[in-house]
C-alpha atoms as a PDB file:
ATOM      1  CA  UNK A   1      -1.127 -40.002  80.778  1.00  0.00           C
ATOM      2  CA  UNK A   2       2.084 -39.956  82.806  1.00  0.00           C
ATOM      3  CA  UNK A   3       5.305 -38.563  81.415  1.00  0.00           C
ATOM      4  CA  UNK A   4       7.900 -40.879  82.879  1.00  0.00           C
ATOM      5  CA  UNK A   5      11.551 -40.388  81.875  1.00  0.00           C
ATOM      6  CA  UNK A   6      14.632 -42.339  82.920  1.00  0.00           C
ATOM      7  CA  UNK A   7      18.217 -41.005  82.732  1.00  0.00           C
ATOM      8  CA  UNK A   8      21.299 -43.051  83.536  1.00  0.00           C
ATOM      9  CA  UNK A   9      25.001 -42.282  83.029  1.00  0.00           C
ATOM     10  CA  UNK A  10      27.990 -44.551  83.584  1.00  0.00           C
ATOM     11  CA  UNK A  11      31.699 -43.710  83.947  1.00  0.00           C
ATOM     12  CA  UNK A  12      33.812 -46.718  83.019  1.00  0.00           C
ATOM     13  CA  UNK A  13      37.317 -45.567  82.123  1.00  0.00           C
ATOM     14  CA  UNK A  14      37.730 -42.845  84.763  1.00  0.00           C
ATOM     15  CA  UNK A  15      35.561 -42.291  87.862  1.00  0.00           C
ATOM     16  CA  UNK A  16      34.351 -38.780  88.652  1.00  0.00           C
ATOM     17  CA  UNK A  17      36.295 -36.923  91.330  1.00  0.00           C
ATOM     18  CA  UNK A  18      34.571 -34.965  94.099  1.00  0.00           C
ATOM     19  CA  UNK A  19      34.450 -31.723  92.117  1.00  0.00           C
ATOM     20  CA  UNK A  20      32.867 -33.426  89.124  1.00  0.00           C
ATOM     21  CA  UNK A  21      30.307 -35.140  91.327  1.00  0.00           C
ATOM     22  CA  UNK A  22      29.411 -31.768  92.836  1.00  0.00           C
ATOM     23  CA  UNK A  23      28.906 -30.349  89.344  1.00  0.00           C
ATOM     24  CA  UNK A  24      26.502 -33.082  88.270  1.00  0.00           C
ATOM     25  CA  UNK A  25      24.781 -32.955  91.658  1.00  0.00           C
ATOM     26  CA  UNK A  26      23.882 -29.336  90.932  1.00  0.00           C
ATOM     27  CA  UNK A  27      21.767 -30.620  88.023  1.00  0.00           C
ATOM     28  CA  UNK A  28      19.578 -32.807  90.230  1.00  0.00           C
ATOM     29  CA  UNK A  29      19.214 -32.888  93.987  1.00  0.00           C
ATOM     30  CA  UNK A  30      17.420 -36.228  94.012  1.00  0.00           C
ATOM     31  CA  UNK A  31      19.555 -38.218  91.570  1.00  0.00           C
ATOM     32  CA  UNK A  32      21.481 -41.259  92.781  1.00  0.00           C
ATOM     33  CA  UNK A  33      25.098 -40.257  92.183  1.00  0.00           C
ATOM     34  CA  UNK A  34      28.353 -42.131  92.783  1.00  0.00           C
ATOM     35  CA  UNK A  35      31.840 -41.773  91.345  1.00  0.00           C
ATOM     36  CA  UNK A  36      30.819 -44.034  88.455  1.00  0.00           C
ATOM     37  CA  UNK A  37      27.068 -43.623  87.997  1.00  0.00           C
ATOM     38  CA  UNK A  38      24.204 -41.140  87.803  1.00  0.00           C
ATOM     39  CA  UNK A  39      20.567 -42.279  87.831  1.00  0.00           C
ATOM     40  CA  UNK A  40      17.540 -40.005  87.806  1.00  0.00           C
ATOM     41  CA  UNK A  41      13.851 -40.583  87.134  1.00  0.00           C
ATOM     42  CA  UNK A  42      11.093 -38.089  86.402  1.00  0.00           C
ATOM     43  CA  UNK A  43       7.344 -38.515  86.501  1.00  0.00           C
ATOM     44  CA  UNK A  44       5.942 -35.320  85.020  1.00  0.00           C
ATOM     45  CA  UNK A  45       9.152 -33.262  85.336  1.00  0.00           C
ATOM     46  CA  UNK A  46      12.292 -32.982  83.241  1.00  0.00           C
ATOM     47  CA  UNK A  47      16.061 -33.188  83.660  1.00  0.00           C
ATOM     48  CA  UNK A  48      17.766 -29.790  83.681  1.00  0.00           C
ATOM     49  CA  UNK A  49      21.102 -31.024  82.344  1.00  0.00           C
ATOM     50  CA  UNK A  50      22.270 -31.686  78.788  1.00  0.00           C
ATOM     51  CA  UNK A  51      23.026 -35.420  78.380  1.00  0.00           C
ATOM     52  CA  UNK A  52      25.289 -34.854  75.375  1.00  0.00           C
ATOM     53  CA  UNK A  53      27.458 -32.429  77.334  1.00  0.00           C
ATOM     54  CA  UNK A  54      27.649 -34.760  80.336  1.00  0.00           C
ATOM     55  CA  UNK A  55      28.864 -37.600  78.133  1.00  0.00           C
ATOM     56  CA  UNK A  56      31.414 -35.357  76.456  1.00  0.00           C
ATOM     57  CA  UNK A  57      32.796 -34.254  79.819  1.00  0.00           C
ATOM     58  CA  UNK A  58      32.368 -37.146  82.258  1.00  0.00           C
ATOM     59  CA  UNK A  59      30.587 -40.326  81.225  1.00  0.00           C
ATOM     60  CA  UNK A  60      31.265 -43.233  78.891  1.00  0.00           C
ATOM     61  CA  UNK A  61      27.644 -44.306  78.405  1.00  0.00           C
ATOM     62  CA  UNK A  62      24.162 -42.838  78.716  1.00  0.00           C
ATOM     63  CA  UNK A  63      20.734 -44.475  78.614  1.00  0.00           C
ATOM     64  CA  UNK A  64      17.444 -42.643  78.229  1.00  0.00           C
ATOM     65  CA  UNK A  65      13.890 -43.777  77.707  1.00  0.00           C
ATOM     66  CA  UNK A  66      10.445 -42.301  78.159  1.00  0.00           C
ATOM     67  CA  UNK A  67       6.994 -43.787  78.439  1.00  0.00           C
ATOM     68  CA  UNK A  68       5.931 -42.244  75.123  1.00  0.00           C
ATOM     69  CA  UNK A  69       8.256 -44.630  73.265  1.00  0.00           C
ATOM     70  CA  UNK A  70      11.557 -42.718  73.012  1.00  0.00           C
ATOM     71  CA  UNK A  71      14.775 -44.663  73.583  1.00  0.00           C
ATOM     72  CA  UNK A  72      18.356 -43.413  73.280  1.00  0.00           C
ATOM     73  CA  UNK A  73      21.784 -44.900  73.995  1.00  0.00           C
ATOM     74  CA  UNK A  74      25.097 -43.009  73.883  1.00  0.00           C
ATOM     75  CA  UNK A  75      28.463 -44.798  73.979  1.00  0.00           C
ATOM     76  CA  UNK A  76      31.733 -42.869  74.271  1.00  0.00           C
ATOM     77  CA  UNK A  77      34.971 -44.451  73.076  1.00  0.00           C
ATOM     78  CA  UNK A  78      38.437 -43.077  72.352  1.00  0.00           C
ATOM     79  CA  UNK A  79      38.704 -42.328  68.655  1.00  0.00           C
ATOM     80  CA  UNK A  80      41.783 -44.548  68.545  1.00  0.00           C
ATOM     81  CA  UNK A  81      39.511 -47.496  69.365  1.00  0.00           C
ATOM     82  CA  UNK A  82      36.564 -46.568  67.130  1.00  0.00           C
ATOM     83  CA  UNK A  83      37.467 -44.041  64.414  1.00  0.00           C
ATOM     84  CA  UNK A  84      34.677 -41.971  62.919  1.00  0.00           C
ATOM     85  CA  UNK A  85      35.214 -43.407  59.427  1.00  0.00           C
ATOM     86  CA  UNK A  86      34.752 -46.949  60.790  1.00  0.00           C
ATOM     87  CA  UNK A  87      31.339 -46.097  62.237  1.00  0.00           C
ATOM     88  CA  UNK A  88      30.115 -43.799  59.457  1.00  0.00           C
ATOM     89  CA  UNK A  89      28.952 -46.503  56.988  1.00  0.00           C
ATOM     90  CA  UNK A  90      26.316 -47.547  59.540  1.00  0.00           C
ATOM     91  CA  UNK A  91      24.783 -44.104  60.071  1.00  0.00           C
ATOM     92  CA  UNK A  92      21.069 -43.533  59.481  1.00  0.00           C
ATOM     93  CA  UNK A  93      19.804 -39.979  59.853  1.00  0.00           C
ATOM     94  CA  UNK A  94      17.992 -39.457  63.127  1.00  0.00           C
ATOM     95  CA  UNK A  95      18.598 -42.969  64.435  1.00  0.00           C
ATOM     96  CA  UNK A  96      22.281 -43.921  64.153  1.00  0.00           C
ATOM     97  CA  UNK A  97      25.008 -41.294  64.226  1.00  0.00           C
ATOM     98  CA  UNK A  98      28.084 -40.016  66.015  1.00  0.00           C
ATOM     99  CA  UNK A  99      30.107 -36.948  66.757  1.00  0.00           C
ATOM    100  CA  UNK A 100      33.654 -36.459  67.984  1.00  0.00           C
ATOM    101  CA  UNK A 101      35.469 -34.416  70.603  1.00  0.00           C
ATOM    102  CA  UNK A 102      39.231 -33.953  70.813  1.00  0.00           C
ATOM    103  CA  UNK A 103      39.741 -37.498  72.096  1.00  0.00           C
ATOM    104  CA  UNK A 104      36.461 -39.385  71.829  1.00  0.00           C
ATOM    105  CA  UNK A 105      33.808 -40.599  69.440  1.00  0.00           C
ATOM    106  CA  UNK A 106      30.287 -40.532  70.867  1.00  0.00           C
ATOM    107  CA  UNK A 107      27.985 -43.028  69.202  1.00  0.00           C
ATOM    108  CA  UNK A 108      24.263 -42.241  69.285  1.00  0.00           C
ATOM    109  CA  UNK A 109      21.638 -44.986  68.822  1.00  0.00           C
ATOM    110  CA  UNK A 110      17.939 -44.213  69.130  1.00  0.00           C
ATOM    111  CA  UNK A 111      14.491 -45.656  68.513  1.00  0.00           C
ATOM    112  CA  UNK A 112      11.056 -44.028  68.481  1.00  0.00           C
ATOM    113  CA  UNK A 113       7.677 -45.729  68.561  1.00  0.00           C
ATOM    114  CA  UNK A 114       4.730 -43.898  70.060  1.00  0.00           C
ATOM    115  CA  UNK A 115       2.613 -47.040  69.784  1.00  0.00           C
ATOM    116  CA  UNK A 116       5.047 -48.898  72.037  1.00  0.00           C
ATOM    117  CA  UNK A 117       4.674 -46.911  75.256  1.00  0.00           C
ATOM    118  CA  UNK A 118       6.545 -47.772  78.425  1.00  0.00           C
ATOM    119  CA  UNK A 119       5.211 -48.457  81.890  1.00  0.00           C
ATOM    120  CA  UNK A 120       6.281 -45.935  84.524  1.00  0.00           C
ATOM    121  CA  UNK A 121       8.549 -48.472  86.253  1.00  0.00           C
ATOM    122  CA  UNK A 122      12.155 -48.578  85.000  1.00  0.00           C
ATOM    123  CA  UNK A 123      12.569 -51.502  82.607  1.00  0.00           C
ATOM    124  CA  UNK A 124      16.036 -50.767  81.257  1.00  0.00           C
ATOM    125  CA  UNK A 125      19.409 -50.060  82.815  1.00  0.00           C
ATOM    126  CA  UNK A 126      22.874 -49.392  81.426  1.00  0.00           C
ATOM    127  CA  UNK A 127      24.591 -52.423  82.916  1.00  0.00           C
ATOM    128  CA  UNK A 128      23.554 -54.891  80.160  1.00  0.00           C
ATOM    129  CA  UNK A 129      24.840 -52.489  77.480  1.00  0.00           C
ATOM    130  CA  UNK A 130      28.243 -51.786  79.021  1.00  0.00           C
ATOM    131  CA  UNK A 131      29.894 -54.655  77.165  1.00  0.00           C
ATOM    132  CA  UNK A 132      29.109 -53.055  73.809  1.00  0.00           C
ATOM    133  CA  UNK A 133      31.926 -50.550  74.344  1.00  0.00           C
ATOM    134  CA  UNK A 134      34.496 -53.295  74.769  1.00  0.00           C
ATOM    135  CA  UNK A 135      33.166 -55.199  71.770  1.00  0.00           C
ATOM    136  CA  UNK A 136      33.351 -52.136  69.534  1.00  0.00           C
ATOM    137  CA  UNK A 137      36.816 -51.280  70.839  1.00  0.00           C
ATOM    138  CA  UNK A 138      37.958 -54.799  69.988  1.00  0.00           C
ATOM    139  CA  UNK A 139      36.795 -54.407  66.385  1.00  0.00           C
ATOM    140  CA  UNK A 140      33.451 -56.218  66.688  1.00  0.00           C
ATOM    141  CA  UNK A 141      31.051 -54.055  64.673  1.00  0.00           C
ATOM    142  CA  UNK A 142      27.938 -56.175  65.094  1.00  0.00           C
ATOM    143  CA  UNK A 143      26.342 -53.515  67.325  1.00  0.00           C
ATOM    144  CA  UNK A 144      26.738 -50.947  64.541  1.00  0.00           C
ATOM    145  CA  UNK A 145      25.114 -53.209  61.981  1.00  0.00           C
ATOM    146  CA  UNK A 146      22.273 -54.104  64.365  1.00  0.00           C
ATOM    147  CA  UNK A 147      21.572 -50.405  64.930  1.00  0.00           C
ATOM    148  CA  UNK A 148      21.564 -49.750  61.158  1.00  0.00           C
ATOM    149  CA  UNK A 149      19.218 -52.674  60.596  1.00  0.00           C
ATOM    150  CA  UNK A 150      16.882 -51.624  63.401  1.00  0.00           C
ATOM    151  CA  UNK A 151      16.702 -48.107  61.977  1.00  0.00           C
ATOM    152  CA  UNK A 152      15.512 -49.293  58.574  1.00  0.00           C
ATOM    153  CA  UNK A 153      13.334 -51.907  60.243  1.00  0.00           C
ATOM    154  CA  UNK A 154      11.306 -49.040  61.705  1.00  0.00           C
ATOM    155  CA  UNK A 155       9.972 -48.552  58.172  1.00  0.00           C
ATOM    156  CA  UNK A 156       7.761 -51.590  58.749  1.00  0.00           C
ATOM    157  CA  UNK A 157       6.093 -49.784  61.666  1.00  0.00           C
ATOM    158  CA  UNK A 158       5.996 -46.322  60.105  1.00  0.00           C
ATOM    159  CA  UNK A 159       5.435 -46.094  56.359  1.00  0.00           C
ATOM    160  CA  UNK A 160       6.571 -42.467  56.421  1.00  0.00           C
ATOM    161  CA  UNK A 161       9.889 -43.162  58.130  1.00  0.00           C
ATOM    162  CA  UNK A 162      11.891 -42.876  54.882  1.00  0.00           C
ATOM    163  CA  UNK A 163      11.526 -41.671  51.324  1.00  0.00           C
ATOM    164  CA  UNK A 164      10.915 -44.331  48.696  1.00  0.00           C
ATOM    165  CA  UNK A 165      14.436 -44.013  47.289  1.00  0.00           C
ATOM    166  CA  UNK A 166      15.802 -45.408  50.572  1.00  0.00           C
ATOM    167  CA  UNK A 167      14.747 -48.838  49.300  1.00  0.00           C
ATOM    168  CA  UNK A 168      17.818 -48.814  47.056  1.00  0.00           C
ATOM    169  CA  UNK A 169      20.276 -48.059  49.861  1.00  0.00           C
ATOM    170  CA  UNK A 170      22.917 -50.773  50.132  1.00  0.00           C
ATOM    171  CA  UNK A 171      23.637 -52.341  53.468  1.00  0.00           C
ATOM    172  CA  UNK A 172      26.981 -51.498  55.143  1.00  0.00           C
ATOM    173  CA  UNK A 173      29.642 -54.174  55.697  1.00  0.00           C
ATOM    174  CA  UNK A 174      28.013 -57.239  57.270  1.00  0.00           C
ATOM    175  CA  UNK A 175      30.074 -58.400  60.257  1.00  0.00           C
ATOM    176  CA  UNK A 176      30.579 -62.023  61.133  1.00  0.00           C
ATOM    177  CA  UNK A 177      28.575 -63.628  63.901  1.00  0.00           C
ATOM    178  CA  UNK A 178      25.115 -62.086  63.441  1.00  0.00           C
ATOM    179  CA  UNK A 179      23.678 -65.539  63.996  1.00  0.00           C
ATOM    180  CA  UNK A 180      25.274 -65.848  67.429  1.00  0.00           C
ATOM    181  CA  UNK A 181      24.956 -62.539  69.244  1.00  0.00           C
ATOM    182  CA  UNK A 182      26.482 -61.732  72.605  1.00  0.00           C
ATOM    183  CA  UNK A 183      24.319 -60.857  75.618  1.00  0.00           C
ATOM    184  CA  UNK A 184      24.868 -57.079  75.218  1.00  0.00           C
ATOM    185  CA  UNK A 185      24.022 -57.339  71.517  1.00  0.00           C
ATOM    186  CA  UNK A 186      20.807 -59.231  72.263  1.00  0.00           C
ATOM    187  CA  UNK A 187      19.888 -56.496  74.729  1.00  0.00           C
ATOM    188  CA  UNK A 188      20.519 -53.903  72.012  1.00  0.00           C
ATOM    189  CA  UNK A 189      18.239 -55.814  69.623  1.00  0.00           C
ATOM    190  CA  UNK A 190      15.387 -55.540  72.126  1.00  0.00           C
ATOM    191  CA  UNK A 191      16.116 -51.909  73.026  1.00  0.00           C
ATOM    192  CA  UNK A 192      16.131 -50.769  69.380  1.00  0.00           C
ATOM    193  CA  UNK A 193      13.058 -52.876  68.538  1.00  0.00           C
ATOM    194  CA  UNK A 194      14.832 -54.938  65.891  1.00  0.00           C
ATOM    195  CA  UNK A 195      12.457 -57.497  64.400  1.00  0.00           C
ATOM    196  CA  UNK A 196      13.525 -61.141  64.785  1.00  0.00           C
ATOM    197  CA  UNK A 197      12.705 -62.036  61.187  1.00  0.00           C
ATOM    198  CA  UNK A 198      14.668 -59.086  59.835  1.00  0.00           C
ATOM    199  CA  UNK A 199      17.627 -60.098  61.995  1.00  0.00           C
ATOM    200  CA  UNK A 200      17.415 -63.685  60.762  1.00  0.00           C
ATOM    201  CA  UNK A 201      17.412 -62.567  57.119  1.00  0.00           C
ATOM    202  CA  UNK A 202      20.395 -60.287  57.662  1.00  0.00           C
ATOM    203  CA  UNK A 203      22.305 -63.102  59.374  1.00  0.00           C
ATOM    204  CA  UNK A 204      22.060 -65.260  56.249  1.00  0.00           C
ATOM    205  CA  UNK A 205      24.923 -63.232  54.741  1.00  0.00           C
ATOM    206  CA  UNK A 206      26.942 -63.114  57.964  1.00  0.00           C
ATOM    207  CA  UNK A 207      29.790 -65.628  58.135  1.00  0.00           C
ATOM    208  CA  UNK A 208      30.277 -67.580  61.306  1.00  0.00           C
ATOM    209  CA  UNK A 209      33.444 -66.503  63.136  1.00  0.00           C
ATOM    210  CA  UNK A 210      36.327 -68.916  62.926  1.00  0.00           C
ATOM    211  CA  UNK A 211      35.822 -69.311  66.663  1.00  0.00           C
ATOM    212  CA  UNK A 212      33.348 -67.731  69.054  1.00  0.00           C
ATOM    213  CA  UNK A 213      34.308 -64.148  69.790  1.00  0.00           C
ATOM    214  CA  UNK A 214      31.731 -63.442  72.486  1.00  0.00           C
ATOM    215  CA  UNK A 215      32.872 -59.847  73.021  1.00  0.00           C
ATOM    216  CA  UNK A 216      35.828 -58.464  74.899  1.00  0.00           C
ATOM    217  CA  UNK A 217      35.167 -60.636  77.962  1.00  0.00           C
ATOM    218  CA  UNK A 218      35.276 -63.876  75.994  1.00  0.00           C
ATOM    219  CA  UNK A 219      37.542 -66.887  76.205  1.00  0.00           C
ATOM    220  CA  UNK A 220      39.187 -65.709  73.003  1.00  0.00           C
ATOM    221  CA  UNK A 221      40.379 -62.501  74.625  1.00  0.00           C
ATOM    222  CA  UNK A 222      41.475 -64.356  77.749  1.00  0.00           C
ATOM    223  CA  UNK A 223      43.530 -66.759  75.644  1.00  0.00           C
ATOM    224  CA  UNK A 224      45.097 -63.844  73.769  1.00  0.00           C
ATOM    225  CA  UNK A 225      46.106 -62.116  77.006  1.00  0.00           C
ATOM    226  CA  UNK A 226      47.473 -65.385  78.406  1.00  0.00           C
ATOM    227  CA  UNK A 227      49.654 -65.725  75.320  1.00  0.00           C
ATOM    228  CA  UNK A 228      51.373 -62.364  75.778  1.00  0.00           C
ATOM    229  CA  UNK A 229      55.035 -62.591  76.814  1.00  0.00           C
ATOM    230  CA  UNK A 230      55.513 -62.609  80.587  1.00  0.00           C
ATOM    231  CA  UNK A 231      57.875 -59.635  80.527  1.00  0.00           C
ATOM    232  CA  UNK A 232      55.337 -57.575  78.575  1.00  0.00           C
ATOM    233  CA  UNK A 233      52.569 -58.498  81.002  1.00  0.00           C
ATOM    234  CA  UNK A 234      54.753 -57.375  83.891  1.00  0.00           C
ATOM    235  CA  UNK A 235      55.267 -53.993  82.212  1.00  0.00           C
ATOM    236  CA  UNK A 236      51.568 -53.634  81.552  1.00  0.00           C
ATOM    237  CA  UNK A 237      50.735 -54.475  85.158  1.00  0.00           C
ATOM    238  CA  UNK A 238      53.208 -51.866  86.401  1.00  0.00           C
ATOM    239  CA  UNK A 239      51.558 -49.263  84.182  1.00  0.00           C
ATOM    240  CA  UNK A 240      48.145 -50.208  85.581  1.00  0.00           C
ATOM    241  CA  UNK A 241      49.363 -49.739  89.133  1.00  0.00           C
ATOM    242  CA  UNK A 242      51.362 -46.538  88.599  1.00  0.00           C
ATOM    243  CA  UNK A 243      49.622 -44.848  85.669  1.00  0.00           C
ATOM    244  CA  UNK A 244      46.294 -44.735  83.858  1.00  0.00           C
ATOM    245  CA  UNK A 245      44.575 -48.158  83.849  1.00  0.00           C
ATOM    246  CA  UNK A 246      42.067 -47.015  81.227  1.00  0.00           C
ATOM    247  CA  UNK A 247      44.878 -46.227  78.779  1.00  0.00           C
ATOM    248  CA  UNK A 248      46.382 -49.679  79.233  1.00  0.00           C
ATOM    249  CA  UNK A 249      43.007 -51.311  78.798  1.00  0.00           C
ATOM    250  CA  UNK A 250      42.350 -49.319  75.649  1.00  0.00           C
ATOM    251  CA  UNK A 251      45.737 -50.218  74.220  1.00  0.00           C
ATOM    252  CA  UNK A 252      45.134 -53.919  74.785  1.00  0.00           C
ATOM    253  CA  UNK A 253      41.660 -53.809  73.273  1.00  0.00           C
ATOM    254  CA  UNK A 254      42.996 -51.984  70.225  1.00  0.00           C
ATOM    255  CA  UNK A 255      45.731 -54.564  69.727  1.00  0.00           C
ATOM    256  CA  UNK A 256      43.351 -57.458  70.272  1.00  0.00           C
ATOM    257  CA  UNK A 257      40.894 -55.978  67.804  1.00  0.00           C
ATOM    258  CA  UNK A 258      43.548 -55.457  65.144  1.00  0.00           C
ATOM    259  CA  UNK A 259      44.675 -59.065  65.434  1.00  0.00           C
ATOM    260  CA  UNK A 260      41.363 -60.823  66.065  1.00  0.00           C
ATOM    261  CA  UNK A 261      38.429 -58.755  64.775  1.00  0.00           C
ATOM    262  CA  UNK A 262      35.927 -60.986  62.938  1.00  0.00           C
ATOM    263  CA  UNK A 263      35.967 -60.480  59.192  1.00  0.00           C
ATOM    264  CA  UNK A 264      33.077 -58.847  57.385  1.00  0.00           C
ATOM    265  CA  UNK A 265      31.098 -60.843  54.848  1.00  0.00           C
ATOM    266  CA  UNK A 266      32.332 -60.813  51.252  1.00  0.00           C
ATOM    267  CA  UNK A 267      28.837 -61.662  49.938  1.00  0.00           C
ATOM    268  CA  UNK A 268      27.155 -59.165  47.564  1.00  0.00           C
ATOM    269  CA  UNK A 269      25.618 -56.277  49.483  1.00  0.00           C
ATOM    270  CA  UNK A 270      21.822 -56.287  49.689  1.00  0.00           C
ATOM    271  CA  UNK A 271      19.485 -53.327  49.460  1.00  0.00           C
ATOM    272  CA  UNK A 272      17.129 -52.194  52.180  1.00  0.00           C
ATOM    273  CA  UNK A 273      14.266 -53.477  50.026  1.00  0.00           C
ATOM    274  CA  UNK A 274      15.936 -56.913  49.750  1.00  0.00           C
ATOM    275  CA  UNK A 275      16.156 -57.184  53.523  1.00  0.00           C
ATOM    276  CA  UNK A 276      12.650 -55.928  54.268  1.00  0.00           C
ATOM    277  CA  UNK A 277      11.110 -58.128  51.582  1.00  0.00           C
ATOM    278  CA  UNK A 278      13.074 -61.105  52.879  1.00  0.00           C
ATOM    279  CA  UNK A 279      11.776 -60.498  56.392  1.00  0.00           C
ATOM    280  CA  UNK A 280       8.200 -60.166  55.122  1.00  0.00           C
ATOM    281  CA  UNK A 281       8.508 -63.407  53.150  1.00  0.00           C
ATOM    282  CA  UNK A 282       9.974 -65.211  56.130  1.00  0.00           C
ATOM    283  CA  UNK A 283       7.184 -63.906  58.350  1.00  0.00           C
ATOM    284  CA  UNK A 284       4.537 -65.032  55.890  1.00  0.00           C
ATOM    285  CA  UNK A 285       6.041 -68.504  55.650  1.00  0.00           C
ATOM    286  CA  UNK A 286       6.213 -69.088  59.400  1.00  0.00           C
ATOM    287  CA  UNK A 287       2.592 -70.306  59.818  1.00  0.00           C
ATOM    288  CA  UNK A 288       3.121 -72.783  56.974  1.00  0.00           C
ATOM    289  CA  UNK A 289       6.349 -73.992  58.538  1.00  0.00           C
ATOM    290  CA  UNK A 290       4.518 -74.595  61.791  1.00  0.00           C
ATOM    291  CA  UNK A 291       1.982 -76.860  60.039  1.00  0.00           C
ATOM    292  CA  UNK A 292       4.604 -79.169  58.529  1.00  0.00           C
END
């Protein structure tokens, strides 16, 4: 059996300078390294660096998977854009969590399934997940809920994943728009092995947004930016040219999120058991539905 592992890092807000690139190069002589990315693959070996430390110091996102079924995604955002207490309701021990540095929150999403082994060829890359950072920064918490749901969904594959009392755990706030996911969110669903029936049941309590949000690259954001006063846009553009573009971008996303974040559902919160039973019932009914 091979032991294939894939490591990818992405710098979005601030590219690595020459010194930083030299530091990460010292961790791997064969990695593909640019000012914004680091990609390394191992077939029988192992990476000598510490991914958590690299994300804390340099990178805004990290993707890892191995052919024995391990998958892990790290997303780094300024704490001003995603405070710890906003993410905490969605935590599930060992699968969804976060930690903070002086300026950033680092969100950790993982999935394990030894029965679902990977081929040795790379099947995932960070690019499809990059939009999740912007969505979270803009106040769209669907990715957090999807990760929470996928974590408890693993109970259907592994009966020892949780203690029995976890059945009574209440779901966190249900964000709007679970029935119409963005492309990065759909990629996250596949990466975290979220069952389609479980997703469909969870979406029953998710209100439709007043208008399609579609993430931070959507028409809604474009319309919001277009509506800013011309004088303010001139000032923002000057700051982009003469200062820190990432800070300006973060400020705009924070403002957009505060004004336009989709509302969470006000429906009664369901238990983990409610959701899993609903998915099982839906799954059992599907053959009958196909006969009608």
